[in-house]
Amino acid sequence: MTPEEKKEMKKELAKRKRMAMDIASQIHDIVEDTLWTDYVNMPGLSEKLVAAVEEANRFKAESGL
């Protein structure tokens, strides 16, 4: 892998991690601010978070980062 390819792979991994963090942030906002009205969104967000983290970890392992 060339240095440029590795740089691009790292950028892609950062993008995937950021997606997971965005979902985690949504969960945090519900817990902090609107738990009693938006709790019904938690199962769906939790599933999305698990999938996003698994995807980021898979990408990291497959790309050798």
N, C-alpha and C. Protein backbone atom coordinates (compact mmCIF):
# COMPACT_ATOMS: atom_id res chain seq x y z
N MET A 1 0.86 -1.17 0.00
CA MET A 1 0.00 0.00 0.00
C MET A 1 0.90 1.23 0.00
N THR A 2 0.61 2.12 -0.91
CA THR A 2 1.39 3.35 -0.98
C THR A 2 0.99 4.29 0.16
N PRO A 3 1.86 5.25 0.47
CA PRO A 3 1.49 6.22 1.52
C PRO A 3 0.19 6.96 1.20
N GLU A 4 -0.03 7.27 -0.08
CA GLU A 4 -1.26 7.96 -0.47
C GLU A 4 -2.48 7.07 -0.25
N GLU A 5 -2.36 5.79 -0.60
CA GLU A 5 -3.46 4.85 -0.39
C GLU A 5 -3.76 4.69 1.10
N LYS A 6 -2.70 4.61 1.90
CA LYS A 6 -2.89 4.48 3.34
C LYS A 6 -3.58 5.72 3.90
N LYS A 7 -3.19 6.89 3.40
CA LYS A 7 -3.82 8.14 3.84
C LYS A 7 -5.31 8.13 3.51
N GLU A 8 -5.65 7.68 2.31
CA GLU A 8 -7.06 7.61 1.91
C GLU A 8 -7.83 6.60 2.77
N MET A 9 -7.19 5.49 3.08
CA MET A 9 -7.85 4.48 3.93
C MET A 9 -8.11 5.04 5.32
N LYS A 10 -7.15 5.79 5.84
CA LYS A 10 -7.33 6.41 7.15
C LYS A 10 -8.46 7.43 7.13
N LYS A 11 -8.56 8.18 6.03
CA LYS A 11 -9.66 9.14 5.90
C LYS A 11 -11.00 8.42 5.87
N GLU A 12 -11.05 7.30 5.16
CA GLU A 12 -12.29 6.52 5.09
C GLU A 12 -12.65 5.95 6.45
N LEU A 13 -11.66 5.46 7.18
CA LEU A 13 -11.92 4.95 8.53
C LEU A 13 -12.43 6.07 9.43
N ALA A 14 -11.83 7.24 9.34
CA ALA A 14 -12.29 8.37 10.15
C ALA A 14 -13.73 8.73 9.81
N LYS A 15 -14.09 8.65 8.54
CA LYS A 15 -15.47 8.93 8.12
C LYS A 15 -16.43 7.93 8.75
N ARG A 16 -16.06 6.66 8.73
CA ARG A 16 -16.93 5.63 9.31
C ARG A 16 -17.04 5.78 10.82
N LYS A 17 -15.95 6.12 11.47
CA LYS A 17 -16.00 6.35 12.92
C LYS A 17 -16.88 7.55 13.25
N ARG A 18 -16.77 8.60 12.42
CA ARG A 18 -17.58 9.81 12.63
C ARG A 18 -19.07 9.50 12.52
N MET A 19 -19.43 8.61 11.61
CA MET A 19 -20.83 8.21 11.47
C MET A 19 -21.32 7.55 12.75
N ALA A 20 -20.50 6.68 13.33
CA ALA A 20 -20.87 6.04 14.59
C ALA A 20 -20.98 7.07 15.71
N MET A 21 -20.06 8.01 15.74
CA MET A 21 -20.10 9.03 16.78
C MET A 21 -21.33 9.93 16.64
N ASP A 22 -21.76 10.19 15.44
CA ASP A 22 -22.97 10.99 15.23
C ASP A 22 -24.20 10.28 15.81
N ILE A 23 -24.27 8.98 15.61
CA ILE A 23 -25.40 8.21 16.17
C ILE A 23 -25.31 8.21 17.69
N ALA A 24 -24.10 8.01 18.22
CA ALA A 24 -23.92 8.03 19.67
C ALA A 24 -24.32 9.39 20.24
N SER A 25 -24.04 10.44 19.50
CA SER A 25 -24.41 11.79 19.94
C SER A 25 -25.93 11.95 20.00
N GLN A 26 -26.62 11.37 19.03
CA GLN A 26 -28.09 11.42 19.04
C GLN A 26 -28.64 10.71 20.27
N ILE A 27 -28.04 9.56 20.58
CA ILE A 27 -28.47 8.81 21.77
C ILE A 27 -28.21 9.65 23.02
N HIS A 28 -27.04 10.25 23.09
CA HIS A 28 -26.69 11.09 24.24
C HIS A 28 -27.69 12.24 24.40
N ASP A 29 -28.04 12.88 23.28
CA ASP A 29 -28.99 13.99 23.36
C ASP A 29 -30.34 13.54 23.89
N ILE A 30 -30.79 12.37 23.46
CA ILE A 30 -32.07 11.87 23.97
C ILE A 30 -31.97 11.62 25.47
N VAL A 31 -30.90 10.96 25.89
CA VAL A 31 -30.74 10.65 27.32
C VAL A 31 -30.67 11.93 28.15
N GLU A 32 -29.96 12.91 27.66
CA GLU A 32 -29.77 14.15 28.41
C GLU A 32 -30.99 15.07 28.38
N ASP A 33 -31.71 15.09 27.25
CA ASP A 33 -32.71 16.15 27.08
C ASP A 33 -34.15 15.68 26.94
N THR A 34 -34.39 14.60 26.24
CA THR A 34 -35.76 14.26 25.87
C THR A 34 -36.12 12.80 26.12
N LEU A 35 -35.50 12.21 27.13
CA LEU A 35 -35.69 10.78 27.37
C LEU A 35 -37.16 10.39 27.46
N TRP A 36 -37.94 11.16 28.18
CA TRP A 36 -39.32 10.76 28.45
C TRP A 36 -40.24 10.90 27.24
N THR A 37 -39.81 11.63 26.24
CA THR A 37 -40.64 11.75 25.04
C THR A 37 -40.06 11.00 23.84
N ASP A 38 -38.74 10.87 23.78
CA ASP A 38 -38.10 10.26 22.61
C ASP A 38 -37.49 8.89 22.88
N TYR A 39 -37.79 8.30 24.03
CA TYR A 39 -37.21 7.00 24.37
C TYR A 39 -37.53 5.93 23.32
N VAL A 40 -38.63 6.09 22.60
CA VAL A 40 -39.01 5.09 21.59
C VAL A 40 -38.00 5.03 20.44
N ASN A 41 -37.19 6.07 20.28
CA ASN A 41 -36.18 6.08 19.23
C ASN A 41 -34.91 5.32 19.61
N MET A 42 -34.77 4.99 20.88
CA MET A 42 -33.54 4.38 21.36
C MET A 42 -33.23 3.01 20.73
N PRO A 43 -34.18 2.10 20.61
CA PRO A 43 -33.84 0.79 20.02
C PRO A 43 -33.32 0.92 18.59
N GLY A 44 -33.95 1.73 17.78
CA GLY A 44 -33.49 1.91 16.40
C GLY A 44 -32.11 2.54 16.32
N LEU A 45 -31.89 3.56 17.14
CA LEU A 45 -30.58 4.21 17.16
C LEU A 45 -29.51 3.25 17.67
N SER A 46 -29.87 2.45 18.65
CA SER A 46 -28.91 1.47 19.18
C SER A 46 -28.50 0.46 18.12
N GLU A 47 -29.46 -0.01 17.35
CA GLU A 47 -29.15 -0.94 16.26
C GLU A 47 -28.25 -0.29 15.22
N LYS A 48 -28.54 0.96 14.88
CA LYS A 48 -27.71 1.68 13.92
C LYS A 48 -26.29 1.87 14.45
N LEU A 49 -26.18 2.17 15.74
CA LEU A 49 -24.87 2.37 16.35
C LEU A 49 -24.05 1.09 16.31
N VAL A 50 -24.66 -0.02 16.68
CA VAL A 50 -23.95 -1.30 16.65
C VAL A 50 -23.48 -1.60 15.23
N ALA A 51 -24.35 -1.40 14.24
CA ALA A 51 -23.98 -1.66 12.85
C ALA A 51 -22.84 -0.74 12.40
N ALA A 52 -22.89 0.52 12.78
CA ALA A 52 -21.85 1.47 12.37
C ALA A 52 -20.50 1.13 12.99
N VAL A 53 -20.50 0.76 14.25
CA VAL A 53 -19.25 0.39 14.91
C VAL A 53 -18.69 -0.90 14.31
N GLU A 54 -19.56 -1.87 14.08
CA GLU A 54 -19.11 -3.12 13.46
C GLU A 54 -18.53 -2.85 12.07
N GLU A 55 -19.15 -1.98 11.31
CA GLU A 55 -18.66 -1.65 9.97
C GLU A 55 -17.31 -0.96 10.04
N ALA A 56 -17.14 -0.02 10.95
CA ALA A 56 -15.85 0.66 11.10
C ALA A 56 -14.77 -0.33 11.51
N ASN A 57 -15.09 -1.22 12.44
CA ASN A 57 -14.11 -2.22 12.88
C ASN A 57 -13.77 -3.19 11.76
N ARG A 58 -14.77 -3.58 10.96
CA ARG A 58 -14.53 -4.48 9.84
C ARG A 58 -13.61 -3.81 8.83
N PHE A 59 -13.91 -2.55 8.49
CA PHE A 59 -13.09 -1.81 7.55
C PHE A 59 -11.66 -1.70 8.06
N LYS A 60 -11.51 -1.40 9.33
CA LYS A 60 -10.17 -1.27 9.92
C LYS A 60 -9.40 -2.57 9.80
N ALA A 61 -10.04 -3.68 10.13
CA ALA A 61 -9.37 -4.97 10.06
C ALA A 61 -9.02 -5.35 8.61
N GLU A 62 -9.95 -5.14 7.69
CA GLU A 62 -9.73 -5.50 6.30
C GLU A 62 -8.67 -4.63 5.63
N SER A 63 -8.56 -3.39 6.06
CA SER A 63 -7.59 -2.49 5.44
C SER A 63 -6.24 -2.53 6.13
N GLY A 64 -6.16 -3.25 7.23
CA GLY A 64 -4.88 -3.39 7.94
C GLY A 64 -4.43 -2.14 8.66
N LEU A 65 -5.38 -1.33 9.08
CA LEU A 65 -5.04 -0.10 9.80
C LEU A 65 -4.93 -0.34 11.29
